[in-house]
C-alpha cells in the first residue's frame, strides 16, 4: 500500500541522506536513467555503502539497469540484501520479470535472506502494455509503474498535460492491478514547477483507478500524498458507517443511503489507509 514514490539518483549522496525527510512512502534509488554510463560503478558502490550505513524509515526500491545488460546483473550482485524491499525493472516484459524473479530467488537462497524481495515492473513499451495482465499476476510483483515518457516515444505520440494519450495504459494497468491485488502506480508529472497541474494529473489518475504516483522532485510529494490519501469527509463517513454496523445486521439505511457489504468493505479500506498513513 503506497501513495507516493520518489525517484532519487543513486549518485547524489546529499539527496540520499535526506530521503527520510521527504515524506514519501517509498524511495526509488535510481541506477538507470539518472546515472550516466561512466558513473554506474561508483553509483552502485555509493548506494551499497549508504544502505549499509543508514536504516531507512521508508520502503527501499532500487531501479536497476535492464536485466539483459551487464549493469543490471552487477546492480543485483551489489545490492540484493535484506536492506532492500523491491527491485524496479525498467523496460519490463513478461520474460524479463520472470528472469528477475529467478535471479532474486537464487540470491536470496545463496545469501540466506530473511525476506522475499518484491518486483515493480516499469511498463514503458507498447508491447509491455499488451502484456499487463500476464505481468500483474506473476509472483513477487506487487505494483506496476507506468512509464509514460518512454511509452509515448515508443508510440510516436506527444505527451500532453491533458493526458489523453495515456488514458488506455493507465486504465489497463489500474484494472489489472486491482484484479490481482497490487498497486497501480502512475507515471511522474514532469513539470516540477506546476503544482496545480500535478494535483489535477494525480486526481485524473486516481479517478481511473491508479492507487499511487511516482515523483521526480521532493516538492511533489505533499500534493501526491494529499490526492491519494482518504479525505476528512471520507474518513468521517467511513467511521460513521462502521459504527452503525455494530447495531445493524445485513443491509440497512444510514442518512437516507443504503448500506450493504460493498459499502462496508470500502469503508474498512478507507480506515485501513487512514491508519497506515497516520491520518487517524
Protein backbone atom coordinates (compact mmCIF):
# COMPACT_ATOMS: atom_id res chain seq x y z
CA UNK A 1 0.00 0.00 0.00
CA UNK A 2 1.67 3.15 -1.25
CA UNK A 3 0.70 6.68 -2.23
CA UNK A 4 3.97 8.30 -3.28
CA UNK A 5 7.26 7.00 -4.68
CA UNK A 6 10.16 9.42 -5.08
CA UNK A 7 12.98 8.87 -7.56
CA UNK A 8 16.42 9.77 -6.16
CA UNK A 9 19.56 9.39 -8.30
CA UNK A 10 21.91 6.88 -6.70
CA UNK A 11 24.87 9.17 -7.39
CA UNK A 12 23.51 12.05 -5.26
CA UNK A 13 24.64 11.39 -1.66
CA UNK A 14 23.08 14.60 -0.32
CA UNK A 15 19.60 13.64 -1.53
CA UNK A 16 20.06 10.06 -0.38
CA UNK A 17 20.96 11.11 3.16
CA UNK A 18 17.91 13.41 3.33
CA UNK A 19 15.47 10.89 1.85
CA UNK A 20 13.78 10.26 5.20
CA UNK A 21 12.54 13.86 5.48
CA UNK A 22 10.72 13.94 2.13
CA UNK A 23 7.57 12.15 3.45
CA UNK A 24 7.44 9.74 0.51
CA UNK A 25 6.08 6.28 1.24
CA UNK A 26 8.77 4.76 -0.96
CA UNK A 27 12.14 5.90 -2.26
CA UNK A 28 13.31 4.64 -5.65
CA UNK A 29 17.08 4.80 -5.74
CA UNK A 30 17.76 5.13 -9.45
CA UNK A 31 20.73 3.40 -11.04
CA UNK A 32 19.33 3.58 -14.56
CA UNK A 33 18.30 6.77 -16.38
CA UNK A 34 19.53 9.15 -13.68
CA UNK A 35 23.09 7.83 -13.77
CA UNK A 36 25.46 8.29 -16.70
CA UNK A 37 27.11 5.15 -18.07
CA UNK A 38 30.51 6.30 -16.85
CA UNK A 39 29.17 6.64 -13.27
CA UNK A 40 27.34 3.32 -12.95
CA UNK A 41 30.05 1.61 -10.90
CA UNK A 42 30.55 4.50 -8.48
CA UNK A 43 26.78 4.95 -8.01
CA UNK A 44 26.40 1.26 -7.25
CA UNK A 45 29.14 1.40 -4.61
CA UNK A 46 27.75 4.61 -3.14
CA UNK A 47 24.26 3.14 -2.80
CA UNK A 48 25.60 -0.08 -1.29
CA UNK A 49 27.53 1.85 1.34
CA UNK A 50 24.56 4.09 2.06
CA UNK A 51 22.24 1.15 2.67
CA UNK A 52 24.80 -0.50 4.93
CA UNK A 53 25.11 2.69 7.00
CA UNK A 54 21.55 4.01 7.27
CA UNK A 55 18.32 2.35 8.40
CA UNK A 56 15.58 3.98 6.29
CA UNK A 57 12.05 4.51 7.63
CA UNK A 58 10.57 4.14 4.14
CA UNK A 59 10.25 1.39 1.57
CA UNK A 60 13.55 0.96 -0.29
CA UNK A 61 13.20 0.31 -4.02
CA UNK A 62 16.14 0.02 -6.41
CA UNK A 63 15.65 0.81 -10.07
CA UNK A 64 18.29 -1.36 -11.67
CA UNK A 65 19.53 -1.26 -15.23
CA UNK A 66 17.97 -3.57 -17.79
CA UNK A 67 18.27 -7.20 -16.78
CA UNK A 68 19.71 -8.29 -20.13
CA UNK A 69 22.63 -5.86 -19.70
CA UNK A 70 25.71 -6.49 -17.59
CA UNK A 71 24.95 -3.41 -15.47
CA UNK A 72 21.61 -4.87 -14.42
CA UNK A 73 23.30 -8.03 -13.20
CA UNK A 74 26.01 -6.03 -11.43
CA UNK A 75 23.30 -3.99 -9.70
CA UNK A 76 21.76 -7.15 -8.28
CA UNK A 77 25.13 -8.57 -7.28
CA UNK A 78 25.98 -5.42 -5.33
CA UNK A 79 22.65 -4.61 -3.74
CA UNK A 80 20.44 -7.65 -3.12
CA UNK A 81 20.15 -7.89 0.67
CA UNK A 82 17.64 -7.70 3.49
CA UNK A 83 18.07 -3.92 3.40
CA UNK A 84 16.03 -3.52 0.22
CA UNK A 85 12.32 -4.17 -0.27
CA UNK A 86 11.80 -4.18 -4.02
CA UNK A 87 13.51 -4.05 -7.39
CA UNK A 88 12.08 -1.81 -10.10
CA UNK A 89 12.66 -3.34 -13.51
CA UNK A 90 12.89 -0.94 -16.48
CA UNK A 91 11.57 -1.82 -19.93
CA UNK A 92 9.82 -4.75 -18.26
CA UNK A 93 8.30 -7.58 -20.27
CA UNK A 94 6.82 -10.85 -19.05
CA UNK A 95 10.01 -12.78 -19.80
CA UNK A 96 12.30 -10.26 -18.11
CA UNK A 97 10.17 -10.19 -14.95
CA UNK A 98 10.33 -13.99 -14.77
CA UNK A 99 14.10 -13.87 -15.26
CA UNK A 100 14.48 -11.30 -12.50
CA UNK A 101 12.35 -13.42 -10.16
CA UNK A 102 14.62 -16.40 -10.77
CA UNK A 103 17.73 -14.33 -10.11
CA UNK A 104 16.29 -12.91 -6.89
CA UNK A 105 15.36 -16.37 -5.66
CA UNK A 106 18.92 -17.51 -6.31
CA UNK A 107 20.42 -14.54 -4.45
CA UNK A 108 18.02 -14.94 -1.53
CA UNK A 109 18.94 -18.59 -1.14
CA UNK A 110 22.68 -18.06 -1.50
CA UNK A 111 22.73 -15.11 0.89
CA UNK A 112 20.19 -16.62 3.30
CA UNK A 113 17.96 -13.56 3.21
CA UNK A 114 15.06 -13.30 5.64
CA UNK A 115 12.72 -11.55 3.22
CA UNK A 116 11.31 -12.08 -0.25
CA UNK A 117 12.21 -9.12 -2.41
CA UNK A 118 9.32 -7.75 -4.44
CA UNK A 119 9.32 -6.66 -8.08
CA UNK A 120 7.82 -3.48 -9.54
CA UNK A 121 7.83 -3.74 -13.34
CA UNK A 122 8.12 -0.43 -15.19
CA UNK A 123 5.98 -0.63 -18.33
CA UNK A 124 7.47 1.66 -20.96
CA UNK A 125 6.82 -0.14 -24.24
CA UNK A 126 3.67 -0.72 -26.29
CA UNK A 127 4.38 -4.46 -26.26
CA UNK A 128 4.59 -4.39 -22.46
CA UNK A 129 1.19 -2.71 -22.15
CA UNK A 130 -0.30 -5.60 -24.11
CA UNK A 131 1.24 -7.96 -21.53
CA UNK A 132 -0.06 -6.07 -18.49
CA UNK A 133 -2.31 -8.85 -17.18
CA UNK A 134 0.37 -11.51 -17.68
CA UNK A 135 2.86 -9.36 -15.75
CA UNK A 136 0.47 -8.35 -12.97
CA UNK A 137 -0.26 -11.96 -11.97
CA UNK A 138 3.39 -13.03 -11.64
CA UNK A 139 4.80 -13.95 -8.21
CA UNK A 140 6.75 -11.17 -6.44
CA UNK A 141 5.03 -8.43 -8.49
CA UNK A 142 3.23 -6.14 -6.04
CA UNK A 143 2.97 -2.99 -8.12
CA UNK A 144 3.22 -1.79 -11.72
CA UNK A 145 4.56 1.63 -12.70
CA UNK A 146 3.55 3.32 -15.93
CA UNK A 147 6.46 4.94 -17.75
CA UNK A 148 4.62 7.41 -19.96
CA UNK A 149 7.62 9.29 -21.37
CA UNK A 150 9.23 6.24 -22.97
CA UNK A 151 5.85 4.75 -23.84
CA UNK A 152 4.70 7.78 -25.81
CA UNK A 153 8.09 7.85 -27.51
CA UNK A 154 7.56 4.22 -28.49
CA UNK A 155 4.07 5.08 -29.73
CA UNK A 156 5.34 8.19 -31.53
CA UNK A 157 2.75 10.33 -29.79
CA UNK A 158 3.11 13.62 -27.93
CA UNK A 159 2.95 13.84 -24.14
CA UNK A 160 0.37 16.42 -23.10
CA UNK A 161 -0.83 17.85 -19.81
CA UNK A 162 -4.34 16.61 -20.62
CA UNK A 163 -3.07 13.05 -20.84
CA UNK A 164 -5.48 11.60 -23.40
CA UNK A 165 -2.56 9.76 -24.99
CA UNK A 166 -2.08 7.62 -21.84
CA UNK A 167 -5.75 7.04 -20.98
CA UNK A 168 -5.61 3.43 -22.24
CA UNK A 169 -2.41 2.30 -20.47
CA UNK A 170 -3.48 4.00 -17.23
CA UNK A 171 -6.81 2.19 -17.34
CA UNK A 172 -5.31 -1.15 -18.33
CA UNK A 173 -2.75 -1.05 -15.52
CA UNK A 174 -5.38 0.06 -12.99
CA UNK A 175 -7.74 -2.80 -13.86
CA UNK A 176 -5.01 -5.44 -13.91
CA UNK A 177 -3.59 -4.20 -10.61
CA UNK A 178 -6.98 -4.24 -8.93
CA UNK A 179 -7.71 -7.73 -10.25
CA UNK A 180 -4.50 -9.11 -8.76
CA UNK A 181 -4.40 -7.02 -5.58
CA UNK A 182 -1.29 -4.95 -6.36
CA UNK A 183 -0.52 -1.23 -6.65
CA UNK A 184 -1.19 0.71 -9.84
CA UNK A 185 1.46 3.43 -9.85
CA UNK A 186 1.03 6.41 -12.12
CA UNK A 187 3.77 7.99 -14.20
CA UNK A 188 5.62 11.04 -12.82
CA UNK A 189 4.42 14.55 -13.64
CA UNK A 190 7.48 16.09 -15.25
CA UNK A 191 6.83 19.83 -14.72
CA UNK A 192 8.18 20.30 -11.19
CA UNK A 193 7.04 23.95 -11.09
CA UNK A 194 3.35 23.29 -11.84
CA UNK A 195 1.79 22.23 -8.54
CA UNK A 196 -1.77 22.75 -9.77
CA UNK A 197 -1.09 20.68 -12.87
CA UNK A 198 0.39 17.95 -10.69
CA UNK A 199 -2.68 17.83 -8.45
CA UNK A 200 -5.03 17.71 -11.42
CA UNK A 201 -2.98 14.98 -13.08
CA UNK A 202 -2.91 12.93 -9.88
CA UNK A 203 -6.68 13.28 -9.43
CA UNK A 204 -7.24 12.18 -13.02
CA UNK A 205 -5.07 9.12 -12.47
CA UNK A 206 -6.84 8.31 -9.19
CA UNK A 207 -10.25 8.56 -10.86
CA UNK A 208 -9.08 5.97 -13.40
CA UNK A 209 -8.15 3.60 -10.59
CA UNK A 210 -4.45 4.31 -10.06
CA UNK A 211 -3.53 3.98 -6.38
CA UNK A 212 -0.21 5.82 -6.22
CA UNK A 213 2.04 8.14 -8.20
CA UNK A 214 5.77 8.45 -8.73
CA UNK A 215 7.58 11.77 -8.28
CA UNK A 216 10.83 13.22 -9.59
CA UNK A 217 11.13 16.06 -7.05
CA UNK A 218 10.61 16.12 -3.27
CA UNK A 219 8.28 19.12 -3.53
CA UNK A 220 5.78 16.97 -5.42
CA UNK A 221 5.27 14.52 -2.56
CA UNK A 222 2.88 16.61 -0.45
CA UNK A 223 0.47 17.03 -3.37
CA UNK A 224 0.58 13.35 -4.30
CA UNK A 225 0.03 12.25 -0.70
CA UNK A 226 -2.92 14.60 -0.38
CA UNK A 227 -4.63 13.25 -3.50
CA UNK A 228 -4.09 9.57 -2.72
CA UNK A 229 -4.97 9.77 0.97
CA UNK A 230 -8.56 9.44 2.24
CA UNK A 231 -10.16 12.86 2.77
CA UNK A 232 -11.53 14.01 6.13
CA UNK A 233 -15.07 13.65 4.82
CA UNK A 234 -14.39 10.11 3.61
CA UNK A 235 -12.91 9.14 6.97
CA UNK A 236 -15.81 10.66 8.92
CA UNK A 237 -18.36 8.84 6.77
CA UNK A 238 -16.46 5.54 6.99
CA UNK A 239 -16.27 5.75 10.78
CA UNK A 240 -19.99 6.51 10.95
CA UNK A 241 -20.84 3.52 8.75
CA UNK A 242 -18.62 1.13 10.68
CA UNK A 243 -20.08 2.32 13.98
CA UNK A 244 -23.58 1.70 12.62
CA UNK A 245 -22.68 -1.89 11.66
CA UNK A 246 -22.36 -2.69 15.37
CA UNK A 247 -26.12 -2.43 15.80
CA UNK A 248 -27.31 -3.28 12.27
CA UNK A 249 -27.09 -6.64 10.51
CA UNK A 250 -27.26 -7.12 6.74
CA UNK A 251 -28.47 -4.23 4.61
CA UNK A 252 -29.52 -1.06 6.43
CA UNK A 253 -30.13 2.63 5.82
CA UNK A 254 -27.94 5.45 7.13
CA UNK A 255 -28.71 9.11 6.47
CA UNK A 256 -31.01 8.07 3.65
CA UNK A 257 -28.37 5.90 1.93
CA UNK A 258 -28.45 2.14 1.61
CA UNK A 259 -25.50 0.45 3.30
CA UNK A 260 -24.58 -3.05 2.15
CA UNK A 261 -21.49 -5.29 2.10
CA UNK A 262 -19.57 -3.46 -0.71
CA UNK A 263 -20.04 -0.11 1.06
CA UNK A 264 -18.88 -1.56 4.38
CA UNK A 265 -15.81 -3.12 2.76
CA UNK A 266 -14.93 0.20 1.13
CA UNK A 267 -15.26 1.97 4.48
CA UNK A 268 -12.94 -0.59 6.05
CA UNK A 269 -10.34 0.09 3.35
CA UNK A 270 -10.62 3.84 3.94
CA UNK A 271 -9.95 3.44 7.65
CA UNK A 272 -7.12 0.99 6.98
CA UNK A 273 -5.43 3.56 4.73
CA UNK A 274 -6.06 6.39 7.17
CA UNK A 275 -4.40 4.42 9.97
CA UNK A 276 -1.44 3.38 7.82
CA UNK A 277 -0.78 6.97 6.77
CA UNK A 278 -1.33 8.16 10.35
CA UNK A 279 -4.22 10.44 9.45
CA UNK A 280 -6.15 8.95 12.36
